[in-house]
Amino acid sequence: MKKIGLIGGTAPESTIMYYKKLTHELNEMNGGEKLPEISIESVDMYNILNQIGNRNCEEASDYMVERIKYLKNGGAEIISFTSVTMHILLDHIYKKTDIELESIPKAVCEKAVSKGIKKVGLLGTGFTMKENHMKKDFIKEGIEVFVPDEKGQELIDNKIFEELVHGTINKSTVEEFVNIIEEMKNKYGIEAIILGCTEIPLIINDDNSPVPV
């Protein structure tokens, strides 16, 4: 089993989710007799998001490349961000290092293609819903990607940073997210929803979503 490296802290809640899910599922895949080796390089989420918000992608990608190298030097053979938003930096990072990262957008797109999905909704941070990094793989495959209206985008972004990144789960927030997905299903005919922020699975899953996640 290859050693796994995670760029974590973006945010802590999703980092914990990644660690637990990888540990439990890889152990199960190995007959319950082997645990993966996982290294986590935790970064300052607020520093990175401020740099991205100010369009300082070169500075932000330099910071991330340095952290990726720390993981590589520690023996990590497979490296991934625990955040979709950080994939905004992926093209900048590839220009500065030959270390390839496992891509969340690519993996999710491959899953959608395998299921024959043609219309998909996207929830995420404001960055992810407005920018192209989570959408471009789908567009290349001829899959239409829809996001909520401006009011819905603002609500989702606020709830992510005011509640979910802190591990706060409110029933009213779950209902608001479900209503937004339902609206997108009725308006655009989406066949599935991308949980394009790795904190959203804290409250949305196949059991409560109006469409598959």
Foldseek 3Di string as FASTA:
>chain_A
DFAEEEADPLPPVLVVVVQVVQQVVVCVVVVVPDGHHYHYRYDHNVVLVVCVVVVVLLVSLVVVLVSVVVVVVVRGPAYEYSWLLVLVNVVVNVVVDVRDYDHPLLVVLVVCVVVVFAEEEEADALSVQPDCRNPPSNVVVNHHYHYFPPVLNVLRNCCCVVAQSVPHDDPVSLVSVQVRQVVCCVPPVGQAYDHNTSSCVSRDACVRHPHHD
